[in-house]
Amino acid sequence: MKHNFLRLALVLGLLSAIGPFAIDMYLPALPAIGRALRADVHQVQLSLM
């Protein structure tokens, strides 16, 4: 039982870290994405919603 709890806690901790890591990777790329898609930066920002 304790082994399963530790495994679950580890998996949930890793999953909760994916969101902030993804945002930190995505935000600096917004201008490049806009240039590649020939879109305004404001239009590309809508992809965050």
PDB file of N, CA and C in Angstrom:
ATOM      1  N   MET A   1       0.834  -1.191   0.000  1.00  0.00           N
ATOM      2  CA  MET A   1       0.000   0.000   0.000  1.00  0.00           C
ATOM      3  C   MET A   1       0.877   1.253   0.000  1.00  0.00           C
ATOM      4  N   LYS A   2       1.898   1.285   0.854  1.00  0.00           N
ATOM      5  CA  LYS A   2       2.743   2.474   0.940  1.00  0.00           C
ATOM      6  C   LYS A   2       3.534   2.672  -0.351  1.00  0.00           C
ATOM      7  N   HIS A   3       3.950   1.558  -0.973  1.00  0.00           N
ATOM      8  CA  HIS A   3       4.696   1.646  -2.232  1.00  0.00           C
ATOM      9  C   HIS A   3       3.819   2.262  -3.322  1.00  0.00           C
ATOM     10  N   ASN A   4       2.547   1.873  -3.377  1.00  0.00           N
ATOM     11  CA  ASN A   4       1.622   2.432  -4.365  1.00  0.00           C
ATOM     12  C   ASN A   4       1.396   3.918  -4.121  1.00  0.00           C
ATOM     13  N   PHE A   5       1.305   4.315  -2.860  1.00  0.00           N
ATOM     14  CA  PHE A   5       1.100   5.727  -2.533  1.00  0.00           C
ATOM     15  C   PHE A   5       2.298   6.558  -2.973  1.00  0.00           C
ATOM     16  N   LEU A   6       3.493   6.072  -2.743  1.00  0.00           N
ATOM     17  CA  LEU A   6       4.692   6.802  -3.154  1.00  0.00           C
ATOM     18  C   LEU A   6       4.776   6.913  -4.674  1.00  0.00           C
ATOM     19  N   ARG A   7       4.431   5.843  -5.352  1.00  0.00           N
ATOM     20  CA  ARG A   7       4.438   5.870  -6.818  1.00  0.00           C
ATOM     21  C   ARG A   7       3.409   6.869  -7.340  1.00  0.00           C
ATOM     22  N   LEU A   8       2.220   6.861  -6.763  1.00  0.00           N
ATOM     23  CA  LEU A   8       1.175   7.795  -7.166  1.00  0.00           C
ATOM     24  C   LEU A   8       1.602   9.234  -6.898  1.00  0.00           C
ATOM     25  N   ALA A   9       2.198   9.480  -5.740  1.00  0.00           N
ATOM     26  CA  ALA A   9       2.658  10.829  -5.406  1.00  0.00           C
ATOM     27  C   ALA A   9       3.735  11.287  -6.381  1.00  0.00           C
ATOM     28  N   LEU A  10       4.624  10.407  -6.755  1.00  0.00           N
ATOM     29  CA  LEU A  10       5.680  10.745  -7.713  1.00  0.00           C
ATOM     30  C   LEU A  10       5.095  11.059  -9.088  1.00  0.00           C
ATOM     31  N   VAL A  11       4.180  10.227  -9.549  1.00  0.00           N
ATOM     32  CA  VAL A  11       3.567  10.449 -10.860  1.00  0.00           C
ATOM     33  C   VAL A  11       2.785  11.753 -10.873  1.00  0.00           C
ATOM     34  N   LEU A  12       2.011  12.021  -9.838  1.00  0.00           N
ATOM     35  CA  LEU A  12       1.240  13.258  -9.776  1.00  0.00           C
ATOM     36  C   LEU A  12       2.148  14.482  -9.695  1.00  0.00           C
ATOM     37  N   GLY A  13       3.241  14.370  -8.973  1.00  0.00           N
ATOM     38  CA  GLY A  13       4.200  15.468  -8.902  1.00  0.00           C
ATOM     39  C   GLY A  13       4.832  15.761 -10.248  1.00  0.00           C
ATOM     40  N   LEU A  14       5.194  14.723 -10.975  1.00  0.00           N
ATOM     41  CA  LEU A  14       5.777  14.920 -12.304  1.00  0.00           C
ATOM     42  C   LEU A  14       4.760  15.493 -13.284  1.00  0.00           C
ATOM     43  N   LEU A  15       3.527  15.015 -13.208  1.00  0.00           N
ATOM     44  CA  LEU A  15       2.487  15.542 -14.095  1.00  0.00           C
ATOM     45  C   LEU A  15       2.179  17.005 -13.811  1.00  0.00           C
ATOM     46  N   SER A  16       2.233  17.383 -12.552  1.00  0.00           N
ATOM     47  CA  SER A  16       1.952  18.785 -12.223  1.00  0.00           C
ATOM     48  C   SER A  16       3.089  19.709 -12.664  1.00  0.00           C
ATOM     49  N   ALA A  17       4.266  19.170 -12.906  1.00  0.00           N
ATOM     50  CA  ALA A  17       5.398  19.984 -13.359  1.00  0.00           C
ATOM     51  C   ALA A  17       5.401  20.179 -14.871  1.00  0.00           C
ATOM     52  N   ILE A  18       4.624  19.393 -15.593  1.00  0.00           N
ATOM     53  CA  ILE A  18       4.626  19.489 -17.055  1.00  0.00           C
ATOM     54  C   ILE A  18       4.031  20.813 -17.530  1.00  0.00           C
ATOM     55  N   GLY A  19       2.961  21.273 -16.898  1.00  0.00           N
ATOM     56  CA  GLY A  19       2.297  22.507 -17.314  1.00  0.00           C
ATOM     57  C   GLY A  19       3.209  23.720 -17.294  1.00  0.00           C
ATOM     58  N   PRO A  20       3.819  24.034 -16.156  1.00  0.00           N
ATOM     59  CA  PRO A  20       4.730  25.185 -16.127  1.00  0.00           C
ATOM     60  C   PRO A  20       5.928  25.026 -17.066  1.00  0.00           C
ATOM     61  N   PHE A  21       6.433  23.819 -17.203  1.00  0.00           N
ATOM     62  CA  PHE A  21       7.558  23.592 -18.112  1.00  0.00           C
ATOM     63  C   PHE A  21       7.144  23.861 -19.556  1.00  0.00           C
ATOM     64  N   ALA A  22       5.942  23.432 -19.927  1.00  0.00           N
ATOM     65  CA  ALA A  22       5.464  23.645 -21.292  1.00  0.00           C
ATOM     66  C   ALA A  22       5.274  25.134 -21.576  1.00  0.00           C
ATOM     67  N   ILE A  23       4.732  25.863 -20.615  1.00  0.00           N
ATOM     68  CA  ILE A  23       4.537  27.304 -20.803  1.00  0.00           C
ATOM     69  C   ILE A  23       5.883  28.011 -20.931  1.00  0.00           C
ATOM     70  N   ASP A  24       6.852  27.609 -20.119  1.00  0.00           N
ATOM     71  CA  ASP A  24       8.178  28.228 -20.192  1.00  0.00           C
ATOM     72  C   ASP A  24       8.856  27.969 -21.537  1.00  0.00           C
ATOM     73  N   MET A  25       8.524  26.876 -22.179  1.00  0.00           N
ATOM     74  CA  MET A  25       9.084  26.587 -23.496  1.00  0.00           C
ATOM     75  C   MET A  25       8.313  27.315 -24.593  1.00  0.00           C
ATOM     76  N   TYR A  26       7.024  27.476 -24.412  1.00  0.00           N
ATOM     77  CA  TYR A  26       6.149  28.003 -25.460  1.00  0.00           C
ATOM     78  C   TYR A  26       6.205  29.523 -25.568  1.00  0.00           C
ATOM     79  N   LEU A  27       6.201  30.218 -24.439  1.00  0.00           N
ATOM     80  CA  LEU A  27       6.128  31.680 -24.463  1.00  0.00           C
ATOM     81  C   LEU A  27       7.277  32.343 -25.222  1.00  0.00           C
ATOM     82  N   PRO A  28       8.523  31.945 -25.032  1.00  0.00           N
ATOM     83  CA  PRO A  28       9.597  32.592 -25.799  1.00  0.00           C
ATOM     84  C   PRO A  28       9.510  32.331 -27.305  1.00  0.00           C
ATOM     85  N   ALA A  29       8.781  31.296 -27.700  1.00  0.00           N
ATOM     86  CA  ALA A  29       8.675  30.959 -29.117  1.00  0.00           C
ATOM     87  C   ALA A  29       7.535  31.686 -29.822  1.00  0.00           C
ATOM     88  N   LEU A  30       6.736  32.468 -29.100  1.00  0.00           N
ATOM     89  CA  LEU A  30       5.583  33.130 -29.718  1.00  0.00           C
ATOM     90  C   LEU A  30       5.958  33.999 -30.921  1.00  0.00           C
ATOM     91  N   PRO A  31       6.980  34.844 -30.842  1.00  0.00           N
ATOM     92  CA  PRO A  31       7.326  35.641 -32.032  1.00  0.00           C
ATOM     93  C   PRO A  31       7.734  34.781 -33.235  1.00  0.00           C
ATOM     94  N   ALA A  32       8.475  33.724 -32.996  1.00  0.00           N
ATOM     95  CA  ALA A  32       8.887  32.845 -34.096  1.00  0.00           C
ATOM     96  C   ALA A  32       7.690  32.117 -34.695  1.00  0.00           C
ATOM     97  N   ILE A  33       6.758  31.719 -33.859  1.00  0.00           N
ATOM     98  CA  ILE A  33       5.544  31.067 -34.354  1.00  0.00           C
ATOM     99  C   ILE A  33       4.752  32.045 -35.217  1.00  0.00           C
ATOM    100  N   GLY A  34       4.658  33.289 -34.758  1.00  0.00           N
ATOM    101  CA  GLY A  34       3.954  34.302 -35.531  1.00  0.00           C
ATOM    102  C   GLY A  34       4.587  34.545 -36.891  1.00  0.00           C
ATOM    103  N   ARG A  35       5.914  34.603 -36.921  1.00  0.00           N
ATOM    104  CA  ARG A  35       6.605  34.795 -38.200  1.00  0.00           C
ATOM    105  C   ARG A  35       6.395  33.596 -39.123  1.00  0.00           C
ATOM    106  N   ALA A  36       6.471  32.403 -38.564  1.00  0.00           N
ATOM    107  CA  ALA A  36       6.313  31.197 -39.379  1.00  0.00           C
ATOM    108  C   ALA A  36       4.907  31.085 -39.959  1.00  0.00           C
ATOM    109  N   LEU A  37       3.925  31.519 -39.202  1.00  0.00           N
ATOM    110  CA  LEU A  37       2.538  31.433 -39.660  1.00  0.00           C
ATOM    111  C   LEU A  37       2.059  32.717 -40.329  1.00  0.00           C
ATOM    112  N   ARG A  38       2.955  33.713 -40.392  1.00  0.00           N
ATOM    113  CA  ARG A  38       2.607  35.033 -40.933  1.00  0.00           C
ATOM    114  C   ARG A  38       1.372  35.586 -40.227  1.00  0.00           C
ATOM    115  N   ALA A  39       1.398  35.481 -38.920  1.00  0.00           N
ATOM    116  CA  ALA A  39       0.293  35.955 -38.093  1.00  0.00           C
ATOM    117  C   ALA A  39       0.808  37.017 -37.135  1.00  0.00           C
ATOM    118  N   ASP A  40      -0.081  37.875 -36.711  1.00  0.00           N
ATOM    119  CA  ASP A  40       0.239  38.890 -35.721  1.00  0.00           C
ATOM    120  C   ASP A  40       0.493  38.212 -34.369  1.00  0.00           C
ATOM    121  N   VAL A  41       1.347  38.819 -33.569  1.00  0.00           N
ATOM    122  CA  VAL A  41       1.652  38.242 -32.252  1.00  0.00           C
ATOM    123  C   VAL A  41       0.382  38.118 -31.416  1.00  0.00           C
ATOM    124  N   HIS A  42      -0.519  39.066 -31.568  1.00  0.00           N
ATOM    125  CA  HIS A  42      -1.766  39.022 -30.802  1.00  0.00           C
ATOM    126  C   HIS A  42      -2.624  37.825 -31.212  1.00  0.00           C
ATOM    127  N   GLN A  43      -2.584  37.475 -32.472  1.00  0.00           N
ATOM    128  CA  GLN A  43      -3.319  36.294 -32.916  1.00  0.00           C
ATOM    129  C   GLN A  43      -2.683  35.025 -32.373  1.00  0.00           C
ATOM    130  N   VAL A  44      -1.374  34.993 -32.326  1.00  0.00           N
ATOM    131  CA  VAL A  44      -0.679  33.814 -31.806  1.00  0.00           C
ATOM    132  C   VAL A  44      -0.932  33.672 -30.308  1.00  0.00           C
ATOM    133  N   GLN A  45      -1.065  34.787 -29.599  1.00  0.00           N
ATOM    134  CA  GLN A  45      -1.340  34.730 -28.164  1.00  0.00           C
ATOM    135  C   GLN A  45      -2.668  34.055 -27.872  1.00  0.00           C
ATOM    136  N   LEU A  46      -3.588  34.092 -28.816  1.00  0.00           N
ATOM    137  CA  LEU A  46      -4.873  33.430 -28.616  1.00  0.00           C
ATOM    138  C   LEU A  46      -4.727  31.915 -28.495  1.00  0.00           C
ATOM    139  N   SER A  47      -3.610  31.379 -28.945  1.00  0.00           N
ATOM    140  CA  SER A  47      -3.396  29.934 -28.829  1.00  0.00           C
ATOM    141  C   SER A  47      -3.155  29.502 -27.385  1.00  0.00           C
ATOM    142  N   LEU A  48      -2.937  30.454 -26.503  1.00  0.00           N
ATOM    143  CA  LEU A  48      -2.737  30.116 -25.090  1.00  0.00           C
ATOM    144  C   LEU A  48      -4.048  29.837 -24.373  1.00  0.00           C
ATOM    145  N   MET A  49      -5.146  30.255 -24.963  1.00  0.00           N
ATOM    146  CA  MET A  49      -6.440  30.093 -24.289  1.00  0.00           C
ATOM    147  C   MET A  49      -7.000  28.721 -24.460  1.00  0.00           C
TER     148      MET A  49
END
